Amino acid sequence: MNDEEPAENISGGTAGGGQSATFDPETAGTRAEAIVDHLGEMYWTKTYGGRDAFECLVRTILSQNTSDKASQPAHDELMRRYGGDEEANSEGDTDSDLARALADADQPELAETISSAGLYNQKSERIIALAQRICEEYGGESGFDEFVREEDPEAVRSTLLDMNGVGPKTADCVLLFAGGRGGVFPVDTHVHRIARRMGLAPADADHETVREYLERDVPAEKCGFGHTAMIQFGREYCSARKPACLDDPDACPLAGHCDQIGVYPASGEVVDPAEAE
C-alpha cells in the first residue's frame, strides 16, 4: 500500500485492471468527458485495480467522515497490528489473512488502534462484523478478492451495499481500486460538489444521481481517473468555501467549462448548488 506515486495522485493500484485512455478535450463527446480530458492534461494518470478487496473495504470505511490525514495513520496502525505488511509477516507468517484476524479482533483494542480516524467505536464494530461475514461467505480475503474481481459488477455492488456500513461510495471504491472495473465513478463530497457546481448534474442531485450522470457521460475507461482527478482538483482549485474563481476567474484552469452554480464572485458568496437561485 506504500506505492511510490506522484504527489498529485490520490489513490489506485499499479497492478491489475484499468485501461489506457487518450485525453483530448477537442474530440470529447460530452462536456463531462471534455472536463475529464482537461484534468488528464493537468494530472498524472494510471490504471486501477490490484488492491486487496477487503483491505480496500476497510480503508474506505476508515476514511468515512474524516480526512486522509486522520484515516491514514489509523490504516497503517491497523495493518501493523493485524497483518498485511512486512513487519506483521516478519516472523514467517505467510498465511496471514486480514479478514480472519479482524473477525477475531477484540473490539475495544481495534477501536483504540483506529482512534485517529474518528468514530472509532462504530467503525471498529462495523469492520469486525464485515470481516466475520466475509470469512463466513467467502472463506477469507482471497475468496472475497475473487468475488469482487470476477463476478458481475452489478451483483458485486448490490452485495456490497447489503453490508452494514457500506454505502455507494465505499462500494464503488472497492469496485474501482480492487476490482479495476471500468465505468465506475465513485462520488465523494468533492465530486458531488464539483459536478453540480459545474453543471454536469442537476443542482439538487444526490450522490447517486451525480454518479448516474457522470457514468453516462464519461467513457468507462476514464471514470476511474475522473474520480481521483476531480478530488485533486477540488482540493487545489474548487474547494467548498473558497473556490479559485471567487477572487480571480483566470485562477481556475477549468473556468471556461464551469457554470459556477452557487458561486457569486461579485458578492463573494458561495452556497451549495442546490440552494442557488
C-alpha atoms as a PDB file:
ATOM      1  CA  MET A   1       0.000   0.000   0.000  1.00  0.00           C
ATOM      2  CA  ASN A   2       3.056   2.275   0.166  1.00  0.00           C
ATOM      3  CA  ASP A   3       3.217   2.945  -3.549  1.00  0.00           C
ATOM      4  CA  GLU A   4       5.795   5.382  -4.851  1.00  0.00           C
ATOM      5  CA  GLU A   5       3.418   7.813  -6.522  1.00  0.00           C
ATOM      6  CA  PRO A   6       3.499  11.437  -7.643  1.00  0.00           C
ATOM      7  CA  ALA A   7       2.123  13.855  -5.064  1.00  0.00           C
ATOM      8  CA  GLU A   8      -0.856  14.800  -7.223  1.00  0.00           C
ATOM      9  CA  ASN A   9      -2.165  11.248  -7.407  1.00  0.00           C
ATOM     10  CA  ILE A  10      -4.932  10.314  -4.980  1.00  0.00           C
ATOM     11  CA  SER A  11      -5.090   6.526  -4.984  1.00  0.00           C
ATOM     12  CA  GLY A  12      -5.307   3.372  -7.049  1.00  0.00           C
ATOM     13  CA  GLY A  13      -3.038   0.393  -7.580  1.00  0.00           C
ATOM     14  CA  THR A  14      -0.331  -0.067 -10.178  1.00  0.00           C
ATOM     15  CA  ALA A  15      -1.288  -3.678 -10.894  1.00  0.00           C
ATOM     16  CA  GLY A  16      -4.435  -5.254 -12.238  1.00  0.00           C
ATOM     17  CA  GLY A  17      -7.328  -3.773 -14.198  1.00  0.00           C
ATOM     18  CA  GLY A  18      -7.785  -0.425 -15.786  1.00  0.00           C
ATOM     19  CA  GLN A  19      -7.440   0.677 -19.377  1.00  0.00           C
ATOM     20  CA  SER A  20      -5.291   3.244 -21.082  1.00  0.00           C
ATOM     21  CA  ALA A  21      -7.085   6.370 -22.238  1.00  0.00           C
ATOM     22  CA  THR A  22      -6.306   9.277 -24.524  1.00  0.00           C
ATOM     23  CA  PHE A  23      -7.178  12.688 -23.096  1.00  0.00           C
ATOM     24  CA  ASP A  24      -8.112  15.097 -25.879  1.00  0.00           C
ATOM     25  CA  PRO A  25     -10.667  17.788 -24.971  1.00  0.00           C
ATOM     26  CA  GLU A  26     -11.095  18.721 -28.633  1.00  0.00           C
ATOM     27  CA  THR A  27     -12.541  15.313 -29.516  1.00  0.00           C
ATOM     28  CA  ALA A  28     -14.597  14.723 -26.361  1.00  0.00           C
ATOM     29  CA  GLY A  29     -18.156  13.570 -26.963  1.00  0.00           C
ATOM     30  CA  THR A  30     -19.690  15.268 -23.915  1.00  0.00           C
ATOM     31  CA  ARG A  31     -18.900  18.237 -21.711  1.00  0.00           C
ATOM     32  CA  ALA A  32     -18.193  15.891 -18.801  1.00  0.00           C
ATOM     33  CA  GLU A  33     -15.667  13.992 -20.914  1.00  0.00           C
ATOM     34  CA  ALA A  34     -14.063  17.263 -22.012  1.00  0.00           C
ATOM     35  CA  ILE A  35     -13.607  18.287 -18.374  1.00  0.00           C
ATOM     36  CA  VAL A  36     -12.066  14.916 -17.503  1.00  0.00           C
ATOM     37  CA  ASP A  37      -9.809  15.276 -20.542  1.00  0.00           C
ATOM     38  CA  HIS A  38      -8.647  18.688 -19.308  1.00  0.00           C
ATOM     39  CA  LEU A  39      -7.934  17.112 -15.937  1.00  0.00           C
ATOM     40  CA  GLY A  40      -5.980  14.460 -17.831  1.00  0.00           C
ATOM     41  CA  GLU A  41      -3.708  17.211 -19.108  1.00  0.00           C
ATOM     42  CA  MET A  42      -3.202  18.502 -15.554  1.00  0.00           C
ATOM     43  CA  TYR A  43      -2.676  15.359 -13.503  1.00  0.00           C
ATOM     44  CA  TRP A  44      -0.772  12.111 -13.705  1.00  0.00           C
ATOM     45  CA  THR A  45      -2.836   9.127 -14.863  1.00  0.00           C
ATOM     46  CA  LYS A  46      -2.640   5.434 -14.070  1.00  0.00           C
ATOM     47  CA  THR A  47      -4.528   2.172 -14.245  1.00  0.00           C
ATOM     48  CA  TYR A  48      -6.772   0.967 -11.426  1.00  0.00           C
ATOM     49  CA  GLY A  49      -7.223  -2.341  -9.712  1.00  0.00           C
ATOM     50  CA  GLY A  50      -4.939  -4.753  -7.954  1.00  0.00           C
ATOM     51  CA  ARG A  51      -5.625  -3.723  -4.390  1.00  0.00           C
ATOM     52  CA  ASP A  52      -6.738  -6.355  -1.910  1.00  0.00           C
ATOM     53  CA  ALA A  53     -10.517  -6.072  -1.860  1.00  0.00           C
ATOM     54  CA  PHE A  54     -11.009  -6.490   1.876  1.00  0.00           C
ATOM     55  CA  GLU A  55      -8.219  -4.087   2.784  1.00  0.00           C
ATOM     56  CA  CYS A  56      -9.687  -1.602   0.304  1.00  0.00           C
ATOM     57  CA  LEU A  57     -13.062  -2.005   2.017  1.00  0.00           C
ATOM     58  CA  VAL A  58     -11.525  -1.439   5.443  1.00  0.00           C
ATOM     59  CA  ARG A  59      -9.527   1.538   4.257  1.00  0.00           C
ATOM     60  CA  THR A  60     -12.601   3.198   2.776  1.00  0.00           C
ATOM     61  CA  ILE A  61     -14.602   2.668   5.969  1.00  0.00           C
ATOM     62  CA  LEU A  62     -11.795   4.269   7.966  1.00  0.00           C
ATOM     63  CA  SER A  63     -11.937   7.281   5.641  1.00  0.00           C
ATOM     64  CA  GLN A  64     -15.659   7.854   6.176  1.00  0.00           C
ATOM     65  CA  ASN A  65     -16.489  11.230   7.765  1.00  0.00           C
ATOM     66  CA  THR A  66     -12.853  12.170   8.205  1.00  0.00           C
ATOM     67  CA  SER A  67      -9.793  13.365   6.279  1.00  0.00           C
ATOM     68  CA  ASP A  68      -6.989  11.340   4.699  1.00  0.00           C
ATOM     69  CA  LYS A  69      -4.646  12.903   7.252  1.00  0.00           C
ATOM     70  CA  ALA A  70      -6.674  11.302  10.039  1.00  0.00           C
ATOM     71  CA  SER A  71      -7.521   7.981   8.394  1.00  0.00           C
ATOM     72  CA  GLN A  72      -4.072   7.111   7.009  1.00  0.00           C
ATOM     73  CA  PRO A  73      -2.411   6.642  10.433  1.00  0.00           C
ATOM     74  CA  ALA A  74      -5.383   4.529  11.522  1.00  0.00           C
ATOM     75  CA  HIS A  75      -4.985   2.325   8.460  1.00  0.00           C
ATOM     76  CA  ASP A  76      -1.232   1.988   8.986  1.00  0.00           C
ATOM     77  CA  GLU A  77      -1.630   1.060  12.645  1.00  0.00           C
ATOM     78  CA  LEU A  78      -4.401  -1.440  11.836  1.00  0.00           C
ATOM     79  CA  MET A  79      -2.182  -3.128   9.255  1.00  0.00           C
ATOM     80  CA  ARG A  80       0.764  -3.179  11.653  1.00  0.00           C
ATOM     81  CA  ARG A  81      -1.270  -4.821  14.406  1.00  0.00           C
ATOM     82  CA  TYR A  82      -3.483  -7.192  12.429  1.00  0.00           C
ATOM     83  CA  GLY A  83      -1.313  -8.203   9.499  1.00  0.00           C
ATOM     84  CA  GLY A  84      -0.718  -7.455   5.853  1.00  0.00           C
ATOM     85  CA  ASP A  85       2.599  -5.595   5.963  1.00  0.00           C
ATOM     86  CA  GLU A  86       6.228  -6.678   6.152  1.00  0.00           C
ATOM     87  CA  GLU A  87       6.518  -6.125   9.891  1.00  0.00           C
ATOM     88  CA  ALA A  88       3.443  -8.222  10.608  1.00  0.00           C
ATOM     89  CA  ASN A  89       4.795 -11.052   8.480  1.00  0.00           C
ATOM     90  CA  SER A  90       8.437 -10.791   9.584  1.00  0.00           C
ATOM     91  CA  GLU A  91       8.175 -13.922  11.738  1.00  0.00           C
ATOM     92  CA  GLY A  92       7.323 -16.129   8.781  1.00  0.00           C
ATOM     93  CA  ASP A  93       3.549 -15.887   8.831  1.00  0.00           C
ATOM     94  CA  THR A  94       2.968 -16.228   5.084  1.00  0.00           C
ATOM     95  CA  ASP A  95      -0.667 -17.271   5.505  1.00  0.00           C
ATOM     96  CA  SER A  96      -1.868 -14.119   7.260  1.00  0.00           C
ATOM     97  CA  ASP A  97      -5.418 -13.183   6.383  1.00  0.00           C
ATOM     98  CA  LEU A  98      -6.558  -9.717   7.393  1.00  0.00           C
ATOM     99  CA  ALA A  99     -10.221 -10.712   7.342  1.00  0.00           C
ATOM    100  CA  ARG A 100      -9.663 -13.638   9.717  1.00  0.00           C
ATOM    101  CA  ALA A 101      -7.504 -11.534  12.025  1.00  0.00           C
ATOM    102  CA  LEU A 102     -10.144  -8.800  12.221  1.00  0.00           C
ATOM    103  CA  ALA A 103     -13.011 -11.271  12.550  1.00  0.00           C
ATOM    104  CA  ASP A 104     -11.368 -12.456  15.798  1.00  0.00           C
ATOM    105  CA  ALA A 105     -10.279  -8.986  16.933  1.00  0.00           C
ATOM    106  CA  ASP A 106     -11.148  -7.573  20.344  1.00  0.00           C
ATOM    107  CA  GLN A 107     -13.432  -4.608  19.620  1.00  0.00           C
ATOM    108  CA  PRO A 108     -12.016  -2.211  22.255  1.00  0.00           C
ATOM    109  CA  GLU A 109      -8.490  -2.997  21.096  1.00  0.00           C
ATOM    110  CA  LEU A 110      -9.393  -2.386  17.448  1.00  0.00           C
ATOM    111  CA  ALA A 111     -11.174   0.835  18.417  1.00  0.00           C
ATOM    112  CA  GLU A 112      -8.022   2.043  20.154  1.00  0.00           C
ATOM    113  CA  THR A 113      -5.947   1.064  17.127  1.00  0.00           C
ATOM    114  CA  ILE A 114      -8.014   3.147  14.706  1.00  0.00           C
ATOM    115  CA  SER A 115      -8.833   6.007  17.083  1.00  0.00           C
ATOM    116  CA  SER A 116      -7.197   8.656  14.855  1.00  0.00           C
ATOM    117  CA  ALA A 117      -9.869   8.050  12.207  1.00  0.00           C
ATOM    118  CA  GLY A 118     -12.729   9.224  14.435  1.00  0.00           C
ATOM    119  CA  LEU A 119     -15.991   7.378  15.145  1.00  0.00           C
ATOM    120  CA  TYR A 120     -13.689   4.533  16.165  1.00  0.00           C
ATOM    121  CA  ASN A 121     -16.232   2.545  18.193  1.00  0.00           C
ATOM    122  CA  GLN A 122     -18.726   2.494  15.349  1.00  0.00           C
ATOM    123  CA  LYS A 123     -16.064   1.801  12.707  1.00  0.00           C
ATOM    124  CA  SER A 124     -14.417  -0.976  14.727  1.00  0.00           C
ATOM    125  CA  GLU A 125     -17.768  -2.724  15.222  1.00  0.00           C
ATOM    126  CA  ARG A 126     -18.516  -2.483  11.515  1.00  0.00           C
ATOM    127  CA  ILE A 127     -15.090  -3.745  10.477  1.00  0.00           C
ATOM    128  CA  ILE A 128     -15.322  -6.778  12.750  1.00  0.00           C
ATOM    129  CA  ALA A 129     -18.830  -7.608  11.516  1.00  0.00           C
ATOM    130  CA  LEU A 130     -17.739  -7.256   7.889  1.00  0.00           C
ATOM    131  CA  ALA A 131     -14.691  -9.447   8.494  1.00  0.00           C
ATOM    132  CA  GLN A 132     -16.862 -12.132  10.059  1.00  0.00           C
ATOM    133  CA  ARG A 133     -19.318 -12.051   7.166  1.00  0.00           C
ATOM    134  CA  ILE A 134     -16.539 -12.233   4.573  1.00  0.00           C
ATOM    135  CA  CYS A 135     -14.954 -15.180   6.349  1.00  0.00           C
ATOM    136  CA  GLU A 136     -18.307 -16.970   6.564  1.00  0.00           C
ATOM    137  CA  GLU A 137     -19.396 -16.298   2.962  1.00  0.00           C
ATOM    138  CA  TYR A 138     -16.080 -16.228   1.051  1.00  0.00           C
ATOM    139  CA  GLY A 139     -13.632 -18.068   3.293  1.00  0.00           C
ATOM    140  CA  GLY A 140     -11.461 -15.019   3.827  1.00  0.00           C
ATOM    141  CA  GLU A 141      -9.565 -12.432   1.806  1.00  0.00           C
ATOM    142  CA  SER A 142      -8.738 -14.464  -1.284  1.00  0.00           C
ATOM    143  CA  GLY A 143     -12.318 -15.613  -1.841  1.00  0.00           C
ATOM    144  CA  PHE A 144     -13.600 -12.070  -1.441  1.00  0.00           C
ATOM    145  CA  ASP A 145     -10.943 -10.825  -3.888  1.00  0.00           C
ATOM    146  CA  GLU A 146     -12.103 -13.350  -6.458  1.00  0.00           C
ATOM    147  CA  PHE A 147     -15.731 -12.326  -5.988  1.00  0.00           C
ATOM    148  CA  VAL A 148     -15.000  -8.606  -6.413  1.00  0.00           C
ATOM    149  CA  ARG A 149     -12.794  -9.070  -9.486  1.00  0.00           C
ATOM    150  CA  GLU A 150     -14.682 -11.751 -11.380  1.00  0.00           C
ATOM    151  CA  GLU A 151     -18.387 -11.563 -10.644  1.00  0.00           C
ATOM    152  CA  ASP A 152     -20.841  -9.289 -12.463  1.00  0.00           C
ATOM    153  CA  PRO A 153     -20.168  -5.688 -11.296  1.00  0.00           C
ATOM    154  CA  GLU A 154     -23.823  -5.001 -10.520  1.00  0.00           C
ATOM    155  CA  ALA A 155     -24.023  -8.168  -8.428  1.00  0.00           C
ATOM    156  CA  VAL A 156     -20.865  -7.172  -6.570  1.00  0.00           C
ATOM    157  CA  ARG A 157     -22.176  -3.665  -5.962  1.00  0.00           C
ATOM    158  CA  SER A 158     -25.529  -4.979  -4.737  1.00  0.00           C
ATOM    159  CA  THR A 159     -23.807  -7.372  -2.340  1.00  0.00           C
ATOM    160  CA  LEU A 160     -21.507  -4.666  -1.003  1.00  0.00           C
ATOM    161  CA  LEU A 161     -24.425  -2.305  -0.446  1.00  0.00           C
ATOM    162  CA  ASP A 162     -26.131  -5.039   1.589  1.00  0.00           C
ATOM    163  CA  MET A 163     -23.229  -4.932   4.063  1.00  0.00           C
ATOM    164  CA  ASN A 164     -23.689  -2.773   7.152  1.00  0.00           C
ATOM    165  CA  GLY A 165     -21.660   0.420   6.907  1.00  0.00           C
ATOM    166  CA  VAL A 166     -21.080   0.157   3.162  1.00  0.00           C
ATOM    167  CA  GLY A 167     -22.642   2.955   1.136  1.00  0.00           C
ATOM    168  CA  PRO A 168     -22.486   3.702  -2.595  1.00  0.00           C
ATOM    169  CA  LYS A 169     -19.120   5.490  -2.469  1.00  0.00           C
ATOM    170  CA  THR A 170     -17.486   2.675  -0.482  1.00  0.00           C
ATOM    171  CA  ALA A 171     -18.903   0.021  -2.815  1.00  0.00           C
ATOM    172  CA  ASP A 172     -17.732   1.917  -5.891  1.00  0.00           C
ATOM    173  CA  CYS A 173     -14.244   2.448  -4.463  1.00  0.00           C
ATOM    174  CA  VAL A 174     -13.912  -1.306  -3.900  1.00  0.00           C
ATOM    175  CA  LEU A 175     -15.102  -1.989  -7.461  1.00  0.00           C
ATOM    176  CA  LEU A 176     -12.630   0.545  -8.851  1.00  0.00           C
ATOM    177  CA  PHE A 177      -9.500   0.162  -6.753  1.00  0.00           C
ATOM    178  CA  ALA A 178      -9.727  -3.561  -6.026  1.00  0.00           C
ATOM    179  CA  GLY A 179     -11.714  -4.821  -8.990  1.00  0.00           C
ATOM    180  CA  GLY A 180     -10.272  -2.480 -11.609  1.00  0.00           C
ATOM    181  CA  ARG A 181     -13.755  -2.169 -13.087  1.00  0.00           C
ATOM    182  CA  GLY A 182     -14.276   0.329 -15.875  1.00  0.00           C
ATOM    183  CA  GLY A 183     -17.268   2.655 -15.873  1.00  0.00           C
ATOM    184  CA  VAL A 184     -17.223   3.160 -12.100  1.00  0.00           C
ATOM    185  CA  PHE A 185     -17.158   6.807 -10.973  1.00  0.00           C
ATOM    186  CA  PRO A 186     -17.295   6.955  -7.152  1.00  0.00           C
ATOM    187  CA  VAL A 187     -18.888  10.139  -5.843  1.00  0.00           C
ATOM    188  CA  ASP A 188     -17.453  11.616  -2.672  1.00  0.00           C
ATOM    189  CA  THR A 189     -18.102  15.081  -1.264  1.00  0.00           C
ATOM    190  CA  HIS A 190     -15.671  16.727  -3.733  1.00  0.00           C
ATOM    191  CA  VAL A 191     -17.133  15.043  -6.814  1.00  0.00           C
ATOM    192  CA  HIS A 192     -20.679  15.737  -5.621  1.00  0.00           C
ATOM    193  CA  ARG A 193     -19.930  19.436  -5.161  1.00  0.00           C
ATOM    194  CA  ILE A 194     -17.915  19.968  -8.348  1.00  0.00           C
ATOM    195  CA  ALA A 195     -20.219  18.071 -10.711  1.00  0.00           C
ATOM    196  CA  ARG A 196     -23.214  20.161  -9.591  1.00  0.00           C
ATOM    197  CA  ARG A 197     -21.259  23.422  -9.421  1.00  0.00           C
ATOM    198  CA  MET A 198     -20.033  22.914 -12.975  1.00  0.00           C
ATOM    199  CA  GLY A 199     -23.451  21.905 -14.245  1.00  0.00           C
ATOM    200  CA  LEU A 200     -22.559  18.303 -15.070  1.00  0.00           C
ATOM    201  CA  ALA A 201     -25.526  17.128 -12.994  1.00  0.00           C
ATOM    202  CA  PRO A 202     -28.679  18.823 -11.662  1.00  0.00           C
ATOM    203  CA  ALA A 203     -28.024  21.300  -8.870  1.00  0.00           C
ATOM    204  CA  ASP A 204     -30.216  19.339  -6.446  1.00  0.00           C
ATOM    205  CA  ALA A 205     -28.893  15.894  -7.427  1.00  0.00           C
ATOM    206  CA  ASP A 206     -27.972  13.495  -4.647  1.00  0.00           C
ATOM    207  CA  HIS A 207     -24.779  11.430  -4.764  1.00  0.00           C
ATOM    208  CA  GLU A 208     -26.382   8.553  -6.654  1.00  0.00           C
ATOM    209  CA  THR A 209     -27.861  10.846  -9.298  1.00  0.00           C
ATOM    210  CA  VAL A 210     -24.494  12.557  -9.805  1.00  0.00           C
ATOM    211  CA  ARG A 211     -22.919   9.125 -10.258  1.00  0.00           C
ATOM    212  CA  GLU A 212     -25.505   8.192 -12.876  1.00  0.00           C
ATOM    213  CA  TYR A 213     -24.857  11.374 -14.870  1.00  0.00           C
ATOM    214  CA  LEU A 214     -21.075  11.004 -14.751  1.00  0.00           C
ATOM    215  CA  GLU A 215     -21.077   7.312 -15.631  1.00  0.00           C
ATOM    216  CA  ARG A 216     -23.411   8.099 -18.516  1.00  0.00           C
ATOM    217  CA  ASP A 217     -21.327  10.967 -19.911  1.00  0.00           C
ATOM    218  CA  VAL A 218     -17.740   9.863 -19.195  1.00  0.00           C
ATOM    219  CA  PRO A 219     -16.285   6.903 -21.143  1.00  0.00           C
ATOM    220  CA  ALA A 220     -15.800   3.808 -18.999  1.00  0.00           C
ATOM    221  CA  GLU A 221     -12.005   3.840 -19.297  1.00  0.00           C
ATOM    222  CA  LYS A 222     -11.848   7.420 -17.982  1.00  0.00           C
ATOM    223  CA  CYS A 223     -14.177   7.119 -14.985  1.00  0.00           C
ATOM    224  CA  GLY A 224     -11.547   5.935 -12.510  1.00  0.00           C
ATOM    225  CA  PHE A 225      -9.170   8.724 -13.400  1.00  0.00           C
ATOM    226  CA  GLY A 226     -12.038  11.224 -13.446  1.00  0.00           C
ATOM    227  CA  HIS A 227     -12.852  10.327  -9.845  1.00  0.00           C
ATOM    228  CA  THR A 228      -9.330  10.748  -8.475  1.00  0.00           C
ATOM    229  CA  ALA A 229      -8.537  13.812 -10.598  1.00  0.00           C
ATOM    230  CA  MET A 230     -11.747  15.587  -9.625  1.00  0.00           C
ATOM    231  CA  ILE A 231     -10.896  15.054  -5.969  1.00  0.00           C
ATOM    232  CA  GLN A 232      -7.466  16.580  -6.523  1.00  0.00           C
ATOM    233  CA  PHE A 233      -8.993  19.471  -8.468  1.00  0.00           C
ATOM    234  CA  GLY A 234     -11.423  20.076  -5.614  1.00  0.00           C
ATOM    235  CA  ARG A 235      -8.591  20.277  -3.126  1.00  0.00           C
ATOM    236  CA  GLU A 236      -6.424  22.554  -5.245  1.00  0.00           C
ATOM    237  CA  TYR A 237      -8.917  24.811  -7.014  1.00  0.00           C
ATOM    238  CA  CYS A 238     -12.590  24.143  -6.332  1.00  0.00           C
ATOM    239  CA  SER A 239     -12.891  23.998  -2.556  1.00  0.00           C
ATOM    240  CA  ALA A 240     -16.249  24.163  -0.830  1.00  0.00           C
ATOM    241  CA  ARG A 241     -15.865  27.586   0.774  1.00  0.00           C
ATOM    242  CA  LYS A 242     -13.358  29.424  -1.396  1.00  0.00           C
ATOM    243  CA  PRO A 243     -13.056  28.211  -4.997  1.00  0.00           C
ATOM    244  CA  ALA A 244     -10.236  29.795  -7.002  1.00  0.00           C
ATOM    245  CA  CYS A 245     -12.667  31.626  -9.297  1.00  0.00           C
ATOM    246  CA  LEU A 246     -14.147  33.572  -6.402  1.00  0.00           C
ATOM    247  CA  ASP A 247     -11.359  36.167  -6.471  1.00  0.00           C
ATOM    248  CA  ASP A 248      -9.884  35.631  -9.918  1.00  0.00           C
ATOM    249  CA  PRO A 249     -11.689  33.840 -12.791  1.00  0.00           C
ATOM    250  CA  ASP A 250      -8.361  33.222 -14.505  1.00  0.00           C
ATOM    251  CA  ALA A 251      -7.057  31.343 -11.460  1.00  0.00           C
ATOM    252  CA  CYS A 252      -9.161  28.294 -12.336  1.00  0.00           C
ATOM    253  CA  PRO A 253      -7.917  26.196 -15.277  1.00  0.00           C
ATOM    254  CA  LEU A 254     -11.483  24.975 -15.932  1.00  0.00           C
ATOM    255  CA  ALA A 255     -13.192  28.365 -15.708  1.00  0.00           C
ATOM    256  CA  GLY A 256     -14.367  28.203 -19.299  1.00  0.00           C
ATOM    257  CA  HIS A 257     -16.169  24.909 -18.689  1.00  0.00           C
ATOM    258  CA  CYS A 258     -17.957  25.752 -15.433  1.00  0.00           C
ATOM    259  CA  ASP A 259     -21.473  27.105 -14.862  1.00  0.00           C
ATOM    260  CA  GLN A 260     -20.414  28.441 -11.420  1.00  0.00           C
ATOM    261  CA  ILE A 261     -23.701  27.328  -9.887  1.00  0.00           C
ATOM    262  CA  GLY A 262     -23.789  28.632  -6.329  1.00  0.00           C
ATOM    263  CA  VAL A 263     -20.634  30.750  -6.740  1.00  0.00           C
ATOM    264  CA  TYR A 264     -21.099  34.522  -6.894  1.00  0.00           C
ATOM    265  CA  PRO A 265     -17.784  36.363  -7.433  1.00  0.00           C
ATOM    266  CA  ALA A 266     -19.481  39.783  -7.404  1.00  0.00           C
ATOM    267  CA  SER A 267     -20.669  39.354  -3.820  1.00  0.00           C
ATOM    268  CA  GLY A 268     -18.093  36.797  -2.676  1.00  0.00           C
ATOM    269  CA  GLU A 269     -20.888  34.426  -1.706  1.00  0.00           C
ATOM    270  CA  VAL A 270     -20.635  30.658  -2.086  1.00  0.00           C
ATOM    271  CA  VAL A 271     -23.605  28.358  -1.431  1.00  0.00           C
ATOM    272  CA  ASP A 272     -24.438  24.745  -2.125  1.00  0.00           C
ATOM    273  CA  PRO A 273     -25.615  24.439  -5.748  1.00  0.00           C
ATOM    274  CA  ALA A 274     -28.983  23.141  -4.533  1.00  0.00           C
ATOM    275  CA  GLU A 275     -29.505  26.465  -2.738  1.00  0.00           C
ATOM    276  CA  ALA A 276     -28.547  28.625  -5.734  1.00  0.00           C
ATOM    277  CA  GLU A 277     -31.195  30.767  -7.324  1.00  0.00           C
END
